[in-house]
């Protein structure tokens, strides 16, 4: 790889994209890469999501297309060659359809290798695109188009996503990067000194979006059941914006639990404010139907909080099959039992999940440099890799 053209995401105060470019920059510099950070223009200066679920509906399109204009200009100038890599942080990048139009008409010496990171979308039956109108239909068509761009390789976040891609008919080379990009040192710098576990509030945090694919009702069922048995335990929702949902009934129920004194709701949090809450909490809880790794687990693990997630989709891989911190989906009995244990003491494997995800960007670089073929999921034996833990955890027998 002669040069890397990095197609990052627009920055939002409430989302991981605020830190994503910096996380990548630190690794790229340490690895000695020659990187061009292709700029884009934001639709405004608010750094907030006004419309949409994951990223702002207008802002994503505006930034991506302005970024593509700059990339196309670089290609037109002859600065991008077949020794170079273009890396898209998100497969959904409006304007990317211009690439096959260009690449099919330029000499081979001007045809770069392209990597796109898939964050689910239509291949996942629980993704939000299956909730809004006919988004899933056109998104599936879009994904098939990206899959056919000359020289494209697709990066999956875990083995289960690889299977979803294969079922969807992806034919491009697929690599499992086994995690989400994460910069542990940058988060630690923001947090500072960790609060001792025994001095923290007996608080459980829920930080996923409050949409139906995250199963807010399951979380609130747990809140009602657990606070009745253990009234000294606090539960909190943490959101980077106002509490909202693609199903208003969840917000209504959360507001009622707040009124009843069973639930805290923290809204419009900036990252440092969110990390301060994690640094004074004991458990991060998740019950998502749709969550491919999730940065919430790495952030909580870095901030000294235990993590309790369902043994579902990507999480057995993310947790290296650690049985103490994975509950049976969707058993509220098992979740309650394991929550009690994790509220009482820090888990002996705390820190290992964030350590593993901290290596994700390095795995991406290895793949782009041709040194990561162990992550290639070509052929019909791609399921051979599912059961094996990606890193070692300590298991203590009862």
Protein backbone atom coordinates (compact mmCIF):
# COMPACT_ATOMS: atom_id res chain seq x y z
CA UNK A 1 0.00 0.00 0.00
CA UNK A 2 1.61 3.23 -1.19
CA UNK A 3 -0.96 5.65 0.20
CA UNK A 4 -4.21 5.40 2.17
CA UNK A 5 -7.14 7.66 1.31
CA UNK A 6 -9.30 7.78 4.43
CA UNK A 7 -13.02 8.48 3.99
CA UNK A 8 -14.06 9.20 7.56
CA UNK A 9 -17.44 10.09 9.01
CA UNK A 10 -18.83 13.46 10.03
CA UNK A 11 -18.43 14.31 13.70
CA UNK A 12 -21.37 14.25 16.13
CA UNK A 13 -21.03 15.24 19.77
CA UNK A 14 -23.30 12.41 20.85
CA UNK A 15 -21.79 9.64 18.75
CA UNK A 16 -18.55 7.71 18.43
CA UNK A 17 -17.83 9.62 15.23
CA UNK A 18 -16.65 12.51 17.43
CA UNK A 19 -13.53 10.46 18.25
CA UNK A 20 -13.32 8.05 15.31
CA UNK A 21 -10.89 9.96 13.11
CA UNK A 22 -8.59 10.63 16.06
CA UNK A 23 -8.61 6.94 17.02
CA UNK A 24 -7.61 6.05 13.48
CA UNK A 25 -5.05 8.85 13.19
CA UNK A 26 -3.12 7.60 16.22
CA UNK A 27 -2.83 4.09 14.79
CA UNK A 28 -2.01 5.27 11.27
CA UNK A 29 0.81 7.46 12.61
CA UNK A 30 2.18 4.69 14.81
CA UNK A 31 2.13 2.32 11.82
CA UNK A 32 3.93 4.89 9.65
CA UNK A 33 1.21 5.12 6.98
CA UNK A 34 1.04 7.84 4.35
CA UNK A 35 -2.57 8.98 4.80
CA UNK A 36 -4.74 11.49 2.98
CA UNK A 37 -7.76 12.43 5.11
CA UNK A 38 -10.25 13.27 2.40
CA UNK A 39 -12.28 16.22 3.71
CA UNK A 40 -16.02 16.65 3.58
CA UNK A 41 -18.29 19.57 4.37
CA UNK A 42 -20.84 19.42 7.17
CA UNK A 43 -24.36 20.65 6.54
CA UNK A 44 -24.18 22.92 9.61
CA UNK A 45 -22.05 23.48 12.71
CA UNK A 46 -24.31 21.85 15.29
CA UNK A 47 -22.62 18.41 15.39
CA UNK A 48 -26.04 17.00 16.29
CA UNK A 49 -28.53 14.55 14.81
CA UNK A 50 -31.72 16.37 13.86
CA UNK A 51 -33.38 13.75 11.66
CA UNK A 52 -32.68 10.05 11.56
CA UNK A 53 -31.54 7.17 13.72
CA UNK A 54 -27.81 6.41 13.62
CA UNK A 55 -26.46 9.48 11.81
CA UNK A 56 -28.31 12.57 10.63
CA UNK A 57 -30.30 11.80 7.47
CA UNK A 58 -29.42 15.04 5.70
CA UNK A 59 -25.99 15.44 7.24
CA UNK A 60 -24.76 11.97 6.22
CA UNK A 61 -25.68 12.58 2.58
CA UNK A 62 -24.31 16.13 2.49
CA UNK A 63 -20.96 15.25 4.05
CA UNK A 64 -20.48 12.05 2.05
CA UNK A 65 -21.22 13.63 -1.32
CA UNK A 66 -18.97 16.60 -0.66
CA UNK A 67 -16.25 14.16 0.40
CA UNK A 68 -16.75 12.15 -2.81
CA UNK A 69 -16.32 15.34 -4.86
CA UNK A 70 -12.89 15.81 -3.27
CA UNK A 71 -11.94 12.16 -3.82
CA UNK A 72 -13.00 12.28 -7.47
CA UNK A 73 -10.88 15.40 -7.94
CA UNK A 74 -7.86 13.56 -6.53
CA UNK A 75 -8.54 10.67 -8.89
CA UNK A 76 -8.97 13.06 -11.82
CA UNK A 77 -5.61 14.64 -10.97
CA UNK A 78 -3.92 11.24 -11.20
CA UNK A 79 -3.00 11.20 -7.50
CA UNK A 80 -4.75 7.86 -6.79
CA UNK A 81 -3.05 4.77 -8.25
CA UNK A 82 -3.43 1.00 -8.21
CA UNK A 83 -0.88 0.88 -5.38
CA UNK A 84 -3.24 2.86 -3.15
CA UNK A 85 -6.16 2.01 -0.87
CA UNK A 86 -9.39 3.96 -0.38
CA UNK A 87 -10.97 3.14 2.97
CA UNK A 88 -14.63 3.99 3.66
CA UNK A 89 -15.62 3.95 7.34
CA UNK A 90 -19.20 3.18 6.37
CA UNK A 91 -20.50 1.17 3.43
CA UNK A 92 -23.41 3.60 3.21
CA UNK A 93 -21.63 6.50 1.56
CA UNK A 94 -23.82 8.47 -0.87
CA UNK A 95 -21.86 9.21 -4.03
CA UNK A 96 -19.85 6.00 -3.90
CA UNK A 97 -21.70 4.86 -7.03
CA UNK A 98 -19.42 7.18 -9.00
CA UNK A 99 -16.45 4.88 -8.32
CA UNK A 100 -17.38 1.96 -10.60
CA UNK A 101 -18.31 4.45 -13.31
CA UNK A 102 -14.80 5.91 -13.08
CA UNK A 103 -12.81 2.74 -12.41
CA UNK A 104 -14.32 0.87 -15.35
CA UNK A 105 -13.06 3.59 -17.69
CA UNK A 106 -9.57 4.46 -16.41
CA UNK A 107 -6.32 2.53 -17.03
CA UNK A 108 -5.43 -0.28 -14.62
CA UNK A 109 -2.64 1.85 -13.13
CA UNK A 110 -5.31 4.25 -11.82
CA UNK A 111 -7.56 1.60 -10.23
CA UNK A 112 -7.16 1.55 -6.42
CA UNK A 113 -8.17 -1.17 -3.96
CA UNK A 114 -11.25 -0.20 -1.98
CA UNK A 115 -12.23 -1.27 1.53
CA UNK A 116 -15.69 -0.56 2.97
CA UNK A 117 -16.73 -1.22 6.55
CA UNK A 118 -20.22 -2.69 6.82
CA UNK A 119 -22.25 -1.67 9.87
CA UNK A 120 -25.23 -3.97 9.13
CA UNK A 121 -28.03 -2.18 7.22
CA UNK A 122 -30.31 -4.39 5.08
CA UNK A 123 -28.44 -7.65 5.74
CA UNK A 124 -29.71 -7.49 9.33
CA UNK A 125 -33.45 -8.18 9.75
CA UNK A 126 -33.46 -6.10 12.95
CA UNK A 127 -31.74 -3.03 11.48
CA UNK A 128 -33.70 0.22 11.52
CA UNK A 129 -33.91 0.20 7.70
CA UNK A 130 -36.56 -2.52 8.06
CA UNK A 131 -38.69 -0.17 10.18
CA UNK A 132 -38.90 2.93 7.98
CA UNK A 133 -40.99 2.61 4.81
CA UNK A 134 -39.26 0.75 1.99
CA UNK A 135 -35.71 1.61 3.08
CA UNK A 136 -34.72 -2.06 3.19
CA UNK A 137 -35.62 -2.57 -0.48
CA UNK A 138 -33.47 0.21 -1.89
CA UNK A 139 -30.73 -0.35 0.70
CA UNK A 140 -30.42 -3.98 -0.44
CA UNK A 141 -30.04 -2.78 -4.01
CA UNK A 142 -27.46 -0.24 -2.89
CA UNK A 143 -25.46 -2.88 -1.00
CA UNK A 144 -25.40 -5.20 -4.02
CA UNK A 145 -24.06 -2.30 -6.09
CA UNK A 146 -21.26 -1.58 -3.60
CA UNK A 147 -20.45 -5.29 -3.50
CA UNK A 148 -19.81 -5.15 -7.27
CA UNK A 149 -17.45 -2.15 -7.33
CA UNK A 150 -14.20 -3.26 -9.02
CA UNK A 151 -11.49 -3.89 -6.44
CA UNK A 152 -13.80 -3.67 -3.42
CA UNK A 153 -13.30 -5.65 -0.20
CA UNK A 154 -15.87 -5.68 2.60
CA UNK A 155 -14.98 -5.50 6.30
CA UNK A 156 -17.36 -7.24 8.70
CA UNK A 157 -17.26 -6.64 12.44
CA UNK A 158 -17.73 -10.30 13.46
CA UNK A 159 -18.32 -13.85 12.25
CA UNK A 160 -22.12 -13.61 12.48
CA UNK A 161 -22.12 -10.58 10.21
CA UNK A 162 -20.04 -12.55 7.70
CA UNK A 163 -22.81 -15.16 7.63
CA UNK A 164 -25.47 -12.49 7.08
CA UNK A 165 -23.44 -11.10 4.17
CA UNK A 166 -23.13 -14.54 2.61
CA UNK A 167 -26.86 -15.17 2.96
CA UNK A 168 -27.47 -11.80 1.28
CA UNK A 169 -25.39 -12.96 -1.69
CA UNK A 170 -22.23 -10.88 -1.24
CA UNK A 171 -19.56 -12.01 -3.70
CA UNK A 172 -16.78 -9.52 -2.88
CA UNK A 173 -13.96 -10.67 -0.58
CA UNK A 174 -15.07 -10.42 3.08
CA UNK A 175 -12.75 -9.95 6.05
CA UNK A 176 -13.76 -10.21 9.71
CA UNK A 177 -12.06 -7.41 11.64
CA UNK A 178 -13.61 -8.82 14.85
CA UNK A 179 -14.55 -5.58 16.54
CA UNK A 180 -15.33 -1.90 16.14
CA UNK A 181 -12.66 0.76 15.82
CA UNK A 182 -11.80 1.98 19.31
CA UNK A 183 -9.11 4.15 20.88
CA UNK A 184 -8.72 3.07 24.49
CA UNK A 185 -5.94 5.51 25.34
CA UNK A 186 -7.96 8.49 24.08
CA UNK A 187 -10.93 7.47 26.24
CA UNK A 188 -8.67 6.94 29.26
CA UNK A 189 -7.27 10.45 28.78
CA UNK A 190 -10.80 11.84 28.92
CA UNK A 191 -11.77 9.83 32.00
CA UNK A 192 -8.67 10.31 34.11
CA UNK A 193 -8.49 8.41 37.42
CA UNK A 194 -10.99 5.57 37.75
CA UNK A 195 -13.31 5.61 40.73
CA UNK A 196 -12.80 2.52 42.94
CA UNK A 197 -15.57 0.01 42.28
CA UNK A 198 -16.72 -0.19 45.90
CA UNK A 199 -17.17 3.59 46.04
CA UNK A 200 -19.35 3.76 42.94
CA UNK A 201 -23.12 4.11 42.97
CA UNK A 202 -24.99 0.81 42.65
CA UNK A 203 -26.09 2.03 39.26
CA UNK A 204 -26.88 0.18 36.03
CA UNK A 205 -26.56 2.14 32.78
CA UNK A 206 -28.44 1.61 29.52
CA UNK A 207 -26.78 3.61 26.72
CA UNK A 208 -28.19 2.13 23.52
CA UNK A 209 -30.51 4.08 21.26
CA UNK A 210 -34.07 3.81 22.57
CA UNK A 211 -35.43 2.29 19.36
CA UNK A 212 -37.35 -0.96 19.09
CA UNK A 213 -34.35 -2.94 17.79
CA UNK A 214 -32.63 -2.25 21.12
CA UNK A 215 -35.55 -3.78 23.10
CA UNK A 216 -36.16 -0.97 25.61
CA UNK A 217 -39.13 -2.89 27.01
CA UNK A 218 -36.86 -5.75 28.13
CA UNK A 219 -34.63 -3.28 29.94
CA UNK A 220 -37.60 -1.57 31.59
CA UNK A 221 -39.07 -4.94 32.62
CA UNK A 222 -35.76 -5.58 34.36
CA UNK A 223 -35.86 -2.15 36.01
CA UNK A 224 -39.31 -2.75 37.48
CA UNK A 225 -38.52 -6.26 38.64
CA UNK A 226 -35.09 -5.48 40.08
CA UNK A 227 -35.98 -2.26 41.91
CA UNK A 228 -38.84 -4.08 43.62
CA UNK A 229 -36.44 -6.69 44.99
CA UNK A 230 -33.43 -4.38 45.46
CA UNK A 231 -34.66 -0.79 45.94
CA UNK A 232 -31.13 0.49 46.63
CA UNK A 233 -30.10 -0.18 43.00
CA UNK A 234 -30.27 2.73 40.56
CA UNK A 235 -30.97 2.43 36.83
CA UNK A 236 -30.09 5.11 34.31
CA UNK A 237 -30.65 5.82 30.62
CA UNK A 238 -27.83 7.80 29.02
CA UNK A 239 -28.43 9.53 25.69
CA UNK A 240 -26.35 11.94 23.64
CA UNK A 241 -29.47 13.77 22.51
CA UNK A 242 -33.03 14.03 23.72
CA UNK A 243 -34.65 10.71 24.62
CA UNK A 244 -36.56 9.64 21.51
CA UNK A 245 -37.55 6.44 19.78
CA UNK A 246 -38.99 5.01 16.58
CA UNK A 247 -41.81 3.80 18.83
CA UNK A 248 -43.13 6.53 21.20
CA UNK A 249 -44.50 4.01 23.71
CA UNK A 250 -40.97 3.31 24.96
CA UNK A 251 -40.35 6.95 25.80
CA UNK A 252 -43.73 7.22 27.54
CA UNK A 253 -42.95 4.21 29.70
CA UNK A 254 -39.47 5.51 30.55
CA UNK A 255 -40.90 8.89 31.59
CA UNK A 256 -43.38 7.13 33.87
CA UNK A 257 -40.59 5.09 35.48
CA UNK A 258 -38.68 8.32 35.97
CA UNK A 259 -41.72 9.88 37.67
CA UNK A 260 -42.03 6.78 39.88
CA UNK A 261 -38.42 7.22 41.01
CA UNK A 262 -37.22 3.95 39.45
CA UNK A 263 -35.20 5.34 36.57
CA UNK A 264 -32.82 8.24 35.88
CA UNK A 265 -32.82 9.75 32.40
CA UNK A 266 -29.69 11.65 31.35
CA UNK A 267 -30.15 13.48 28.05
CA UNK A 268 -28.02 15.64 25.75
CA UNK A 269 -24.82 14.29 27.25
CA UNK A 270 -21.48 15.24 25.82
CA UNK A 271 -18.90 12.47 25.75
CA UNK A 272 -17.01 13.58 28.83
CA UNK A 273 -20.27 13.88 30.79
CA UNK A 274 -21.25 10.38 29.70
CA UNK A 275 -17.85 8.99 30.69
CA UNK A 276 -18.16 10.64 34.11
CA UNK A 277 -21.42 8.76 34.70
CA UNK A 278 -19.82 5.48 33.59
CA UNK A 279 -16.93 6.16 35.98
CA UNK A 280 -19.46 6.29 38.83
CA UNK A 281 -21.55 3.28 37.77
CA UNK A 282 -21.09 -0.45 38.25
CA UNK A 283 -22.75 -2.12 35.26
CA UNK A 284 -23.53 -1.38 31.62
CA UNK A 285 -26.56 -3.38 30.47
CA UNK A 286 -27.56 -4.21 26.91
CA UNK A 287 -30.47 -6.17 25.43
CA UNK A 288 -30.27 -5.25 21.75
CA UNK A 289 -31.62 -7.36 18.94
CA UNK A 290 -29.44 -5.32 16.59
CA UNK A 291 -26.00 -4.42 17.87
CA UNK A 292 -22.86 -5.47 16.03
CA UNK A 293 -20.25 -5.28 18.82
CA UNK A 294 -21.28 -1.77 20.10
CA UNK A 295 -18.89 0.90 21.31
CA UNK A 296 -20.83 1.04 24.59
CA UNK A 297 -19.17 -2.18 25.76
CA UNK A 298 -15.64 -0.90 25.08
CA UNK A 299 -16.36 2.46 26.71
CA UNK A 300 -17.85 0.92 29.86
CA UNK A 301 -15.06 -1.66 30.07
CA UNK A 302 -12.49 1.14 29.83
CA UNK A 303 -14.30 3.23 32.46
CA UNK A 304 -14.17 0.44 35.05
CA UNK A 305 -17.79 -0.69 34.85
CA UNK A 306 -18.85 -4.31 34.47
CA UNK A 307 -20.74 -5.22 31.30
CA UNK A 308 -23.75 -7.53 30.94
CA UNK A 309 -24.88 -8.33 27.39
CA UNK A 310 -26.98 -11.06 25.72
CA UNK A 311 -25.27 -14.15 24.30
CA UNK A 312 -26.58 -13.14 20.90
CA UNK A 313 -25.23 -12.17 17.49
CA UNK A 314 -21.78 -10.60 17.89
CA UNK A 315 -21.46 -10.64 21.66
CA UNK A 316 -20.16 -14.19 22.27
CA UNK A 317 -17.25 -13.29 19.97
CA UNK A 318 -16.78 -9.86 21.57
CA UNK A 319 -16.78 -11.36 25.07
CA UNK A 320 -14.64 -14.39 24.09
CA UNK A 321 -17.51 -16.60 25.33
CA UNK A 322 -17.16 -15.32 28.90
CA UNK A 323 -20.16 -16.92 30.65
CA UNK A 324 -20.32 -14.56 33.63
CA UNK A 325 -21.07 -11.47 31.54
CA UNK A 326 -23.35 -13.01 28.89
CA UNK A 327 -26.93 -13.84 29.80
CA UNK A 328 -29.32 -16.20 28.05
CA UNK A 329 -31.37 -14.23 25.51
CA UNK A 330 -34.05 -13.31 26.48
CA UNK A 331 -34.19 -14.66 30.00
CA UNK A 332 -34.91 -11.97 32.54
CA UNK A 333 -34.20 -14.54 35.28
CA UNK A 334 -30.66 -15.13 34.01
CA UNK A 335 -30.12 -11.41 33.46
CA UNK A 336 -31.23 -10.64 37.02
CA UNK A 337 -29.01 -13.35 38.51
CA UNK A 338 -25.88 -12.22 36.67
CA UNK A 339 -26.64 -8.55 37.27
CA UNK A 340 -26.60 -9.17 41.02
CA UNK A 341 -23.13 -10.72 40.81
CA UNK A 342 -21.76 -7.90 38.65
CA UNK A 343 -23.14 -5.19 40.94
CA UNK A 344 -21.20 -6.61 43.88
CA UNK A 345 -17.63 -6.78 42.55
CA UNK A 346 -15.50 -5.92 39.51
CA UNK A 347 -15.20 -8.86 37.14
CA UNK A 348 -11.77 -10.48 36.94
CA UNK A 349 -11.72 -10.08 33.14
CA UNK A 350 -12.53 -6.37 33.19
CA UNK A 351 -10.48 -4.52 30.57
CA UNK A 352 -9.96 -7.42 28.16
CA UNK A 353 -12.88 -6.53 25.86
CA UNK A 354 -11.68 -2.96 25.38
CA UNK A 355 -8.12 -4.24 24.90
CA UNK A 356 -9.32 -6.49 22.08
CA UNK A 357 -11.38 -3.79 20.38
CA UNK A 358 -8.46 -1.41 20.80
CA UNK A 359 -6.66 -3.64 18.29
CA UNK A 360 -9.37 -3.44 15.63
CA UNK A 361 -7.78 -0.61 13.66
CA UNK A 362 -4.48 -2.49 13.66
CA UNK A 363 -6.27 -5.54 12.25
CA UNK A 364 -7.73 -3.34 9.50
CA UNK A 365 -4.27 -1.98 8.66
CA UNK A 366 -2.85 -5.51 8.59
CA UNK A 367 -5.54 -6.56 6.12
CA UNK A 368 -4.97 -3.53 3.89
CA UNK A 369 -1.21 -4.20 3.88
CA UNK A 370 -1.72 -7.84 2.91
CA UNK A 371 -0.79 -9.25 6.33
CA UNK A 372 -4.25 -10.19 7.57
CA UNK A 373 -5.28 -13.18 5.49
CA UNK A 374 -6.21 -15.10 8.66
CA UNK A 375 -9.27 -12.81 8.72
CA UNK A 376 -10.27 -13.61 5.13
CA UNK A 377 -13.60 -15.43 5.04
CA UNK A 378 -13.48 -16.70 1.47
CA UNK A 379 -14.82 -20.08 0.41
CA UNK A 380 -17.54 -22.21 1.94
CA UNK A 381 -15.71 -22.86 5.23
CA UNK A 382 -16.28 -19.41 6.66
CA UNK A 383 -18.27 -20.86 9.59
CA UNK A 384 -15.22 -22.77 10.83
CA UNK A 385 -14.15 -19.69 12.78
CA UNK A 386 -17.31 -19.12 14.84
CA UNK A 387 -16.71 -21.15 18.00
CA UNK A 388 -13.07 -20.31 18.70
CA UNK A 389 -12.45 -17.42 21.11
CA UNK A 390 -10.46 -14.60 19.54
CA UNK A 391 -8.56 -13.89 22.77
CA UNK A 392 -8.05 -15.60 26.12
CA UNK A 393 -10.15 -14.91 29.21
CA UNK A 394 -9.76 -16.28 32.72
CA UNK A 395 -12.57 -18.64 33.69
CA UNK A 396 -13.03 -19.39 37.37
CA UNK A 397 -14.88 -22.59 38.15
CA UNK A 398 -17.48 -22.60 40.93
